[in-house]
Amino acid sequence: MADNKFYGGFAGAAGYAAPKNQTVIPEAKKGLDQFKEEVAAEVGVQVPATGYWGNMTSKECGTVGGYMVKKMVEAYERNLAGK
């Protein structure tokens, strides 16, 4: 298998790295970005003024992302319970 330094030495079956995460529904990107900022404020992570999250620590990004998933699962469960 080809050595791929960007993905810990793992390369896909075709020998190239998988694409970065992309929003499945492009129209939802703005709403997800707003949701991310709301969650960051709730957990006490300062939102980058530039909108670029690349300089944030893994811990900060993981906290925000994990809490986003938790809230989305809760919303889905509420939706299921309401049906």
PDB file of N, CA and C in Angstrom:
ATOM      1  N   MET A   1       0.855  -1.178   0.000  1.00  0.00           N
ATOM      2  CA  MET A   1       0.000   0.000   0.000  1.00  0.00           C
ATOM      3  C   MET A   1       0.900   1.239   0.000  1.00  0.00           C
ATOM      4  N   ALA A   2       0.530   2.243  -0.722  1.00  0.00           N
ATOM      5  CA  ALA A   2       1.319   3.461  -0.817  1.00  0.00           C
ATOM      6  C   ALA A   2       1.349   4.193   0.508  1.00  0.00           C
ATOM      7  N   ASP A   3       2.499   4.809   0.790  1.00  0.00           N
ATOM      8  CA  ASP A   3       2.623   5.589   2.022  1.00  0.00           C
ATOM      9  C   ASP A   3       1.959   6.941   1.811  1.00  0.00           C
ATOM     10  N   ASN A   4       0.980   7.250   2.619  1.00  0.00           N
ATOM     11  CA  ASN A   4       0.268   8.517   2.517  1.00  0.00           C
ATOM     12  C   ASN A   4       0.415   9.247   3.835  1.00  0.00           C
ATOM     13  N   LYS A   5       1.270  10.242   3.879  1.00  0.00           N
ATOM     14  CA  LYS A   5       1.575  10.949   5.115  1.00  0.00           C
ATOM     15  C   LYS A   5       0.385  11.738   5.659  1.00  0.00           C
ATOM     16  N   PHE A   6      -0.565  12.090   4.813  1.00  0.00           N
ATOM     17  CA  PHE A   6      -1.703  12.884   5.259  1.00  0.00           C
ATOM     18  C   PHE A   6      -2.739  12.056   6.005  1.00  0.00           C
ATOM     19  N   TYR A   7      -2.777  10.766   5.773  1.00  0.00           N
ATOM     20  CA  TYR A   7      -3.783   9.918   6.401  1.00  0.00           C
ATOM     21  C   TYR A   7      -3.125   8.771   7.157  1.00  0.00           C
ATOM     22  N   GLY A   8      -2.071   9.066   7.893  1.00  0.00           N
ATOM     23  CA  GLY A   8      -1.434   8.083   8.747  1.00  0.00           C
ATOM     24  C   GLY A   8      -0.922   6.858   8.008  1.00  0.00           C
ATOM     25  N   GLY A   9      -0.473   7.020   6.775  1.00  0.00           N
ATOM     26  CA  GLY A   9       0.061   5.913   6.019  1.00  0.00           C
ATOM     27  C   GLY A   9      -0.995   5.088   5.303  1.00  0.00           C
ATOM     28  N   PHE A  10      -2.268   5.398   5.491  1.00  0.00           N
ATOM     29  CA  PHE A  10      -3.333   4.648   4.833  1.00  0.00           C
ATOM     30  C   PHE A  10      -3.736   5.351   3.554  1.00  0.00           C
ATOM     31  N   ALA A  11      -3.811   4.591   2.501  1.00  0.00           N
ATOM     32  CA  ALA A  11      -4.319   5.124   1.234  1.00  0.00           C
ATOM     33  C   ALA A  11      -5.499   4.272   0.816  1.00  0.00           C
ATOM     34  N   GLY A  12      -6.448   4.881   0.146  1.00  0.00           N
ATOM     35  CA  GLY A  12      -7.634   4.160  -0.300  1.00  0.00           C
ATOM     36  C   GLY A  12      -7.287   3.062  -1.291  1.00  0.00           C
ATOM     37  N   ALA A  13      -8.281   2.288  -1.675  1.00  0.00           N
ATOM     38  CA  ALA A  13      -8.071   1.153  -2.565  1.00  0.00           C
ATOM     39  C   ALA A  13      -7.431   1.575  -3.883  1.00  0.00           C
ATOM     40  N   ALA A  14      -7.738   2.765  -4.337  1.00  0.00           N
ATOM     41  CA  ALA A  14      -7.179   3.238  -5.603  1.00  0.00           C
ATOM     42  C   ALA A  14      -5.807   3.870  -5.406  1.00  0.00           C
ATOM     43  N   GLY A  15      -5.310   3.919  -4.152  1.00  0.00           N
ATOM     44  CA  GLY A  15      -3.988   4.464  -3.889  1.00  0.00           C
ATOM     45  C   GLY A  15      -3.973   5.954  -3.628  1.00  0.00           C
ATOM     46  N   TYR A  16      -5.121   6.563  -3.424  1.00  0.00           N
ATOM     47  CA  TYR A  16      -5.157   7.987  -3.117  1.00  0.00           C
ATOM     48  C   TYR A  16      -6.042   8.221  -1.908  1.00  0.00           C
ATOM     49  N   ALA A  17      -5.841   9.352  -1.274  1.00  0.00           N
ATOM     50  CA  ALA A  17      -6.566   9.657  -0.039  1.00  0.00           C
ATOM     51  C   ALA A  17      -8.019  10.003  -0.324  1.00  0.00           C
ATOM     52  N   ALA A  18      -8.861   9.708   0.648  1.00  0.00           N
ATOM     53  CA  ALA A  18     -10.282  10.048   0.540  1.00  0.00           C
ATOM     54  C   ALA A  18     -10.446  11.561   0.564  1.00  0.00           C
ATOM     55  N   PRO A  19     -11.490  12.092  -0.069  1.00  0.00           N
ATOM     56  CA  PRO A  19     -11.707  13.542  -0.035  1.00  0.00           C
ATOM     57  C   PRO A  19     -12.066  14.005   1.372  1.00  0.00           C
ATOM     58  N   LYS A  20     -11.850  15.282   1.632  1.00  0.00           N
ATOM     59  CA  LYS A  20     -12.199  15.845   2.937  1.00  0.00           C
ATOM     60  C   LYS A  20     -13.709  15.820   3.118  1.00  0.00           C
ATOM     61  N   ASN A  21     -14.124  15.952   4.366  1.00  0.00           N
ATOM     62  CA  ASN A  21     -15.562  15.960   4.649  1.00  0.00           C
ATOM     63  C   ASN A  21     -16.245  17.078   3.879  1.00  0.00           C
ATOM     64  N   GLN A  22     -17.356  16.745   3.301  1.00  0.00           N
ATOM     65  CA  GLN A  22     -18.140  17.727   2.572  1.00  0.00           C
ATOM     66  C   GLN A  22     -19.576  17.639   3.054  1.00  0.00           C
ATOM     67  N   THR A  23     -20.266  18.762   3.027  1.00  0.00           N
ATOM     68  CA  THR A  23     -21.670  18.785   3.408  1.00  0.00           C
ATOM     69  C   THR A  23     -22.466  18.032   2.350  1.00  0.00           C
ATOM     70  N   VAL A  24     -23.257  17.059   2.777  1.00  0.00           N
ATOM     71  CA  VAL A  24     -24.036  16.243   1.845  1.00  0.00           C
ATOM     72  C   VAL A  24     -25.048  17.107   1.111  1.00  0.00           C
ATOM     73  N   ILE A  25     -25.685  18.020   1.833  1.00  0.00           N
ATOM     74  CA  ILE A  25     -26.651  18.940   1.238  1.00  0.00           C
ATOM     75  C   ILE A  25     -26.035  20.339   1.316  1.00  0.00           C
ATOM     76  N   PRO A  26     -25.473  20.835   0.213  1.00  0.00           N
ATOM     77  CA  PRO A  26     -24.765  22.116   0.240  1.00  0.00           C
ATOM     78  C   PRO A  26     -25.579  23.274   0.819  1.00  0.00           C
ATOM     79  N   GLU A  27     -26.892  23.236   0.630  1.00  0.00           N
ATOM     80  CA  GLU A  27     -27.742  24.312   1.147  1.00  0.00           C
ATOM     81  C   GLU A  27     -27.753  24.345   2.674  1.00  0.00           C
ATOM     82  N   ALA A  28     -27.352  23.260   3.316  1.00  0.00           N
ATOM     83  CA  ALA A  28     -27.362  23.179   4.781  1.00  0.00           C
ATOM     84  C   ALA A  28     -26.088  23.736   5.409  1.00  0.00           C
ATOM     85  N   LYS A  29     -25.077  24.039   4.613  1.00  0.00           N
ATOM     86  CA  LYS A  29     -23.782  24.471   5.155  1.00  0.00           C
ATOM     87  C   LYS A  29     -23.899  25.712   6.030  1.00  0.00           C
ATOM     88  N   LYS A  30     -24.632  26.703   5.588  1.00  0.00           N
ATOM     89  CA  LYS A  30     -24.767  27.940   6.360  1.00  0.00           C
ATOM     90  C   LYS A  30     -25.406  27.658   7.720  1.00  0.00           C
ATOM     91  N   GLY A  31     -26.454  26.848   7.732  1.00  0.00           N
ATOM     92  CA  GLY A  31     -27.119  26.494   8.981  1.00  0.00           C
ATOM     93  C   GLY A  31     -26.214  25.701   9.907  1.00  0.00           C
ATOM     94  N   LEU A  32     -25.422  24.780   9.344  1.00  0.00           N
ATOM     95  CA  LEU A  32     -24.496  23.999  10.160  1.00  0.00           C
ATOM     96  C   LEU A  32     -23.398  24.879  10.748  1.00  0.00           C
ATOM     97  N   ASP A  33     -22.918  25.841   9.963  1.00  0.00           N
ATOM     98  CA  ASP A  33     -21.906  26.768  10.480  1.00  0.00           C
ATOM     99  C   ASP A  33     -22.467  27.602  11.629  1.00  0.00           C
ATOM    100  N   GLN A  34     -23.700  28.051  11.491  1.00  0.00           N
ATOM    101  CA  GLN A  34     -24.344  28.823  12.556  1.00  0.00           C
ATOM    102  C   GLN A  34     -24.534  27.944  13.795  1.00  0.00           C
ATOM    103  N   PHE A  35     -24.951  26.702  13.586  1.00  0.00           N
ATOM    104  CA  PHE A  35     -25.126  25.746  14.683  1.00  0.00           C
ATOM    105  C   PHE A  35     -23.794  25.524  15.398  1.00  0.00           C
ATOM    106  N   LYS A  36     -22.704  25.402  14.626  1.00  0.00           N
ATOM    107  CA  LYS A  36     -21.377  25.203  15.200  1.00  0.00           C
ATOM    108  C   LYS A  36     -20.992  26.384  16.087  1.00  0.00           C
ATOM    109  N   GLU A  37     -21.285  27.603  15.634  1.00  0.00           N
ATOM    110  CA  GLU A  37     -20.972  28.793  16.428  1.00  0.00           C
ATOM    111  C   GLU A  37     -21.804  28.841  17.702  1.00  0.00           C
ATOM    112  N   GLU A  38     -23.084  28.463  17.618  1.00  0.00           N
ATOM    113  CA  GLU A  38     -23.950  28.440  18.803  1.00  0.00           C
ATOM    114  C   GLU A  38     -23.438  27.427  19.821  1.00  0.00           C
ATOM    115  N   VAL A  39     -23.071  26.250  19.346  1.00  0.00           N
ATOM    116  CA  VAL A  39     -22.562  25.205  20.238  1.00  0.00           C
ATOM    117  C   VAL A  39     -21.241  25.642  20.859  1.00  0.00           C
ATOM    118  N   ALA A  40     -20.372  26.251  20.072  1.00  0.00           N
ATOM    119  CA  ALA A  40     -19.088  26.719  20.603  1.00  0.00           C
ATOM    120  C   ALA A  40     -19.313  27.705  21.743  1.00  0.00           C
ATOM    121  N   ALA A  41     -20.268  28.609  21.575  1.00  0.00           N
ATOM    122  CA  ALA A  41     -20.574  29.573  22.632  1.00  0.00           C
ATOM    123  C   ALA A  41     -21.105  28.861  23.876  1.00  0.00           C
ATOM    124  N   GLU A  42     -21.932  27.833  23.687  1.00  0.00           N
ATOM    125  CA  GLU A  42     -22.495  27.083  24.815  1.00  0.00           C
ATOM    126  C   GLU A  42     -21.427  26.366  25.624  1.00  0.00           C
ATOM    127  N   VAL A  43     -20.419  25.814  24.949  1.00  0.00           N
ATOM    128  CA  VAL A  43     -19.386  25.049  25.649  1.00  0.00           C
ATOM    129  C   VAL A  43     -18.173  25.897  26.019  1.00  0.00           C
ATOM    130  N   GLY A  44     -18.226  27.194  25.706  1.00  0.00           N
ATOM    131  CA  GLY A  44     -17.164  28.107  26.117  1.00  0.00           C
ATOM    132  C   GLY A  44     -15.942  28.137  25.222  1.00  0.00           C
ATOM    133  N   VAL A  45     -16.095  27.748  23.966  1.00  0.00           N
ATOM    134  CA  VAL A  45     -14.994  27.807  23.006  1.00  0.00           C
ATOM    135  C   VAL A  45     -15.164  29.077  22.187  1.00  0.00           C
ATOM    136  N   GLN A  46     -14.104  29.876  22.131  1.00  0.00           N
ATOM    137  CA  GLN A  46     -14.175  31.134  21.393  1.00  0.00           C
ATOM    138  C   GLN A  46     -14.142  30.853  19.893  1.00  0.00           C
ATOM    139  N   VAL A  47     -15.127  31.378  19.187  1.00  0.00           N
ATOM    140  CA  VAL A  47     -15.224  31.195  17.739  1.00  0.00           C
ATOM    141  C   VAL A  47     -14.169  32.070  17.071  1.00  0.00           C
ATOM    142  N   PRO A  48     -13.378  31.495  16.143  1.00  0.00           N
ATOM    143  CA  PRO A  48     -12.369  32.300  15.456  1.00  0.00           C
ATOM    144  C   PRO A  48     -13.017  33.449  14.675  1.00  0.00           C
ATOM    145  N   ALA A  49     -12.488  34.647  14.833  1.00  0.00           N
ATOM    146  CA  ALA A  49     -13.041  35.823  14.159  1.00  0.00           C
ATOM    147  C   ALA A  49     -12.986  35.678  12.637  1.00  0.00           C
ATOM    148  N   THR A  50     -11.979  34.961  12.150  1.00  0.00           N
ATOM    149  CA  THR A  50     -11.819  34.791  10.706  1.00  0.00           C
ATOM    150  C   THR A  50     -12.726  33.705  10.141  1.00  0.00           C
ATOM    151  N   GLY A  51     -13.289  32.875  11.022  1.00  0.00           N
ATOM    152  CA  GLY A  51     -14.104  31.760  10.564  1.00  0.00           C
ATOM    153  C   GLY A  51     -13.278  30.529  10.245  1.00  0.00           C
ATOM    154  N   TYR A  52     -11.954  30.642  10.352  1.00  0.00           N
ATOM    155  CA  TYR A  52     -11.042  29.525  10.072  1.00  0.00           C
ATOM    156  C   TYR A  52     -10.768  28.764  11.360  1.00  0.00           C
ATOM    157  N   TRP A  53     -11.174  27.500  11.390  1.00  0.00           N
ATOM    158  CA  TRP A  53     -11.045  26.685  12.598  1.00  0.00           C
ATOM    159  C   TRP A  53      -9.733  25.906  12.633  1.00  0.00           C
ATOM    160  N   GLY A  54      -8.886  26.033  11.636  1.00  0.00           N
ATOM    161  CA  GLY A  54      -7.653  25.250  11.545  1.00  0.00           C
ATOM    162  C   GLY A  54      -6.640  25.514  12.635  1.00  0.00           C
ATOM    163  N   ASN A  55      -6.712  26.672  13.271  1.00  0.00           N
ATOM    164  CA  ASN A  55      -5.761  26.986  14.336  1.00  0.00           C
ATOM    165  C   ASN A  55      -6.277  26.605  15.716  1.00  0.00           C
ATOM    166  N   MET A  56      -7.465  26.028  15.771  1.00  0.00           N
ATOM    167  CA  MET A  56      -8.034  25.596  17.047  1.00  0.00           C
ATOM    168  C   MET A  56      -7.396  24.268  17.443  1.00  0.00           C
ATOM    169  N   THR A  57      -7.382  23.982  18.744  1.00  0.00           N
ATOM    170  CA  THR A  57      -6.822  22.711  19.191  1.00  0.00           C
ATOM    171  C   THR A  57      -7.794  21.573  18.881  1.00  0.00           C
ATOM    172  N   SER A  58      -7.253  20.373  18.850  1.00  0.00           N
ATOM    173  CA  SER A  58      -8.100  19.193  18.636  1.00  0.00           C
ATOM    174  C   SER A  58      -9.121  19.059  19.749  1.00  0.00           C
ATOM    175  N   LYS A  59      -8.714  19.403  20.957  1.00  0.00           N
ATOM    176  CA  LYS A  59      -9.627  19.312  22.096  1.00  0.00           C
ATOM    177  C   LYS A  59     -10.813  20.253  21.904  1.00  0.00           C
ATOM    178  N   GLU A  60     -10.534  21.497  21.477  1.00  0.00           N
ATOM    179  CA  GLU A  60     -11.616  22.468  21.269  1.00  0.00           C
ATOM    180  C   GLU A  60     -12.552  22.016  20.151  1.00  0.00           C
ATOM    181  N   CYS A  61     -11.973  21.606  19.032  1.00  0.00           N
ATOM    182  CA  CYS A  61     -12.800  21.163  17.897  1.00  0.00           C
ATOM    183  C   CYS A  61     -13.581  19.906  18.250  1.00  0.00           C
ATOM    184  N   GLY A  62     -12.949  18.992  18.984  1.00  0.00           N
ATOM    185  CA  GLY A  62     -13.630  17.768  19.390  1.00  0.00           C
ATOM    186  C   GLY A  62     -14.776  18.035  20.342  1.00  0.00           C
ATOM    187  N   THR A  63     -14.576  18.999  21.242  1.00  0.00           N
ATOM    188  CA  THR A  63     -15.640  19.367  22.173  1.00  0.00           C
ATOM    189  C   THR A  63     -16.838  19.914  21.413  1.00  0.00           C
ATOM    190  N   VAL A  64     -16.577  20.824  20.484  1.00  0.00           N
ATOM    191  CA  VAL A  64     -17.664  21.424  19.702  1.00  0.00           C
ATOM    192  C   VAL A  64     -18.346  20.362  18.844  1.00  0.00           C
ATOM    193  N   GLY A  65     -17.564  19.576  18.114  1.00  0.00           N
ATOM    194  CA  GLY A  65     -18.139  18.553  17.243  1.00  0.00           C
ATOM    195  C   GLY A  65     -18.915  17.496  18.011  1.00  0.00           C
ATOM    196  N   GLY A  66     -18.375  17.068  19.139  1.00  0.00           N
ATOM    197  CA  GLY A  66     -19.057  16.065  19.950  1.00  0.00           C
ATOM    198  C   GLY A  66     -20.378  16.563  20.492  1.00  0.00           C
ATOM    199  N   TYR A  67     -20.389  17.821  20.931  1.00  0.00           N
ATOM    200  CA  TYR A  67     -21.623  18.388  21.465  1.00  0.00           C
ATOM    201  C   TYR A  67     -22.646  18.608  20.350  1.00  0.00           C
ATOM    202  N   MET A  68     -22.155  18.955  19.144  1.00  0.00           N
ATOM    203  CA  MET A  68     -23.064  19.092  17.998  1.00  0.00           C
ATOM    204  C   MET A  68     -23.759  17.762  17.723  1.00  0.00           C
ATOM    205  N   VAL A  69     -22.986  16.686  17.714  1.00  0.00           N
ATOM    206  CA  VAL A  69     -23.561  15.363  17.456  1.00  0.00           C
ATOM    207  C   VAL A  69     -24.566  15.009  18.544  1.00  0.00           C
ATOM    208  N   LYS A  70     -24.214  15.277  19.793  1.00  0.00           N
ATOM    209  CA  LYS A  70     -25.121  14.983  20.907  1.00  0.00           C
ATOM    210  C   LYS A  70     -26.453  15.708  20.724  1.00  0.00           C
ATOM    211  N   LYS A  71     -26.392  16.994  20.379  1.00  0.00           N
ATOM    212  CA  LYS A  71     -27.617  17.775  20.201  1.00  0.00           C
ATOM    213  C   LYS A  71     -28.423  17.296  18.990  1.00  0.00           C
ATOM    214  N   MET A  72     -27.740  16.895  17.918  1.00  0.00           N
ATOM    215  CA  MET A  72     -28.456  16.394  16.740  1.00  0.00           C
ATOM    216  C   MET A  72     -29.151  15.068  17.041  1.00  0.00           C
ATOM    217  N   VAL A  73     -28.493  14.197  17.806  1.00  0.00           N
ATOM    218  CA  VAL A  73     -29.113  12.922  18.181  1.00  0.00           C
ATOM    219  C   VAL A  73     -30.320  13.180  19.072  1.00  0.00           C
ATOM    220  N   GLU A  74     -30.191  14.099  20.025  1.00  0.00           N
ATOM    221  CA  GLU A  74     -31.323  14.437  20.897  1.00  0.00           C
ATOM    222  C   GLU A  74     -32.503  14.965  20.084  1.00  0.00           C
ATOM    223  N   ALA A  75     -32.224  15.834  19.110  1.00  0.00           N
ATOM    224  CA  ALA A  75     -33.292  16.389  18.270  1.00  0.00           C
ATOM    225  C   ALA A  75     -33.954  15.280  17.452  1.00  0.00           C
ATOM    226  N   TYR A  76     -33.165  14.354  16.950  1.00  0.00           N
ATOM    227  CA  TYR A  76     -33.714  13.241  16.170  1.00  0.00           C
ATOM    228  C   TYR A  76     -34.596  12.360  17.048  1.00  0.00           C
ATOM    229  N   GLU A  77     -34.133  12.088  18.271  1.00  0.00           N
ATOM    230  CA  GLU A  77     -34.926  11.263  19.188  1.00  0.00           C
ATOM    231  C   GLU A  77     -36.241  11.951  19.552  1.00  0.00           C
ATOM    232  N   ARG A  78     -36.195  13.271  19.774  1.00  0.00           N
ATOM    233  CA  ARG A  78     -37.430  14.014  20.063  1.00  0.00           C
ATOM    234  C   ARG A  78     -38.384  13.930  18.878  1.00  0.00           C
ATOM    235  N   ASN A  79     -37.836  14.027  17.675  1.00  0.00           N
ATOM    236  CA  ASN A  79     -38.640  13.938  16.460  1.00  0.00           C
ATOM    237  C   ASN A  79     -39.290  12.559  16.351  1.00  0.00           C
ATOM    238  N   LEU A  80     -38.545  11.516  16.652  1.00  0.00           N
ATOM    239  CA  LEU A  80     -39.096  10.158  16.598  1.00  0.00           C
ATOM    240  C   LEU A  80     -40.178   9.965  17.652  1.00  0.00           C
ATOM    241  N   ALA A  81     -39.952  10.499  18.838  1.00  0.00           N
ATOM    242  CA  ALA A  81     -40.918  10.349  19.926  1.00  0.00           C
ATOM    243  C   ALA A  81     -42.210  11.095  19.619  1.00  0.00           C
ATOM    244  N   GLY A  82     -42.110  12.177  18.842  1.00  0.00           N
ATOM    245  CA  GLY A  82     -43.280  12.979  18.504  1.00  0.00           C
ATOM    246  C   GLY A  82     -44.131  12.379  17.411  1.00  0.00           C
ATOM    247  N   LYS A  83     -43.639  11.360  16.738  1.00  0.00           N
ATOM    248  CA  LYS A  83     -44.394  10.759  15.621  1.00  0.00           C
ATOM    249  C   LYS A  83     -45.321   9.689  16.103  1.00  0.00           C
TER     250      LYS A  83
END
